[in-house]
C-alpha atoms as a PDB file:
ATOM      1  CA  MET A   1       0.000   0.000   0.000  1.00  0.00           C
ATOM      2  CA  VAL A   2       1.366   3.392  -1.009  1.00  0.00           C
ATOM      3  CA  PRO A   3       1.201   6.244   1.520  1.00  0.00           C
ATOM      4  CA  VAL A   4      -1.255   8.946   0.469  1.00  0.00           C
ATOM      5  CA  SER A   5       1.431  11.580   1.083  1.00  0.00           C
ATOM      6  CA  PHE A   6       3.308  10.281  -1.947  1.00  0.00           C
ATOM      7  CA  ASP A   7       2.548  12.310  -5.039  1.00  0.00           C
ATOM      8  CA  ASP A   8       2.797  10.794  -8.516  1.00  0.00           C
ATOM      9  CA  ARG A   9       6.259  12.179  -9.201  1.00  0.00           C
ATOM     10  CA  GLU A  10       7.657  10.812  -5.944  1.00  0.00           C
ATOM     11  CA  LEU A  11       6.055   7.444  -6.558  1.00  0.00           C
ATOM     12  CA  GLU A  12       7.440   7.360 -10.100  1.00  0.00           C
ATOM     13  CA  MET A  13      10.961   8.092  -8.837  1.00  0.00           C
ATOM     14  CA  VAL A  14      10.754   5.356  -6.201  1.00  0.00           C
ATOM     15  CA  THR A  15       9.377   2.860  -8.716  1.00  0.00           C
ATOM     16  CA  HIS A  16      12.093   3.779 -11.214  1.00  0.00           C
ATOM     17  CA  ALA A  17      14.815   3.410  -8.576  1.00  0.00           C
ATOM     18  CA  SER A  18      13.456  -0.019  -7.615  1.00  0.00           C
ATOM     19  CA  ALA A  19      13.427  -1.100 -11.263  1.00  0.00           C
ATOM     20  CA  ILE A  20      17.060  -0.005 -11.668  1.00  0.00           C
ATOM     21  CA  ALA A  21      18.081  -1.853  -8.495  1.00  0.00           C
ATOM     22  CA  LEU A  22      16.351  -5.011  -9.737  1.00  0.00           C
ATOM     23  CA  LYS A  23      18.066  -4.725 -13.122  1.00  0.00           C
ATOM     24  CA  TRP A  24      21.483  -4.312 -11.481  1.00  0.00           C
ATOM     25  CA  LYS A  25      20.828  -7.308  -9.253  1.00  0.00           C
ATOM     26  CA  ARG A  26      19.753  -9.418 -12.241  1.00  0.00           C
ATOM     27  CA  ASP A  27      22.748  -8.323 -14.318  1.00  0.00           C
ATOM     28  CA  ASP A  28      25.072  -9.053 -11.385  1.00  0.00           C
ATOM     29  CA  VAL A  29      23.679 -12.578 -11.061  1.00  0.00           C
ATOM     30  CA  ILE A  30      24.024 -13.167 -14.813  1.00  0.00           C
ATOM     31  CA  PHE A  31      27.568 -11.782 -14.713  1.00  0.00           C
ATOM     32  CA  ARG A  32      28.569 -14.064 -11.841  1.00  0.00           C
ATOM     33  CA  LYS A  33      26.918 -17.072 -13.475  1.00  0.00           C
ATOM     34  CA  GLY A  34      28.753 -16.270 -16.704  1.00  0.00           C
ATOM     35  CA  ARG A  35      32.078 -16.096 -14.865  1.00  0.00           C
ATOM     36  CA  ALA A  36      31.326 -19.328 -13.043  1.00  0.00           C
ATOM     37  CA  VAL A  37      30.931 -21.078 -16.398  1.00  0.00           C
ATOM     38  CA  ILE A  38      34.381 -19.960 -17.545  1.00  0.00           C
ATOM     39  CA  PRO A  39      37.012 -22.452 -16.339  1.00  0.00           C
ATOM     40  CA  SER A  40      39.763 -20.756 -14.335  1.00  0.00           C
ATOM     41  CA  ASP A  41      43.185 -21.391 -15.835  1.00  0.00           C
END
């Protein structure tokens, strides 16, 4: 539930920040999985 005090612009910024954080987390997981696949010489 979103607090009523949040206006649309604030809510949009928070949502956008959350989306960016999720993307970074996903990319980080993919990056680590990709590195894990590469055999270490």
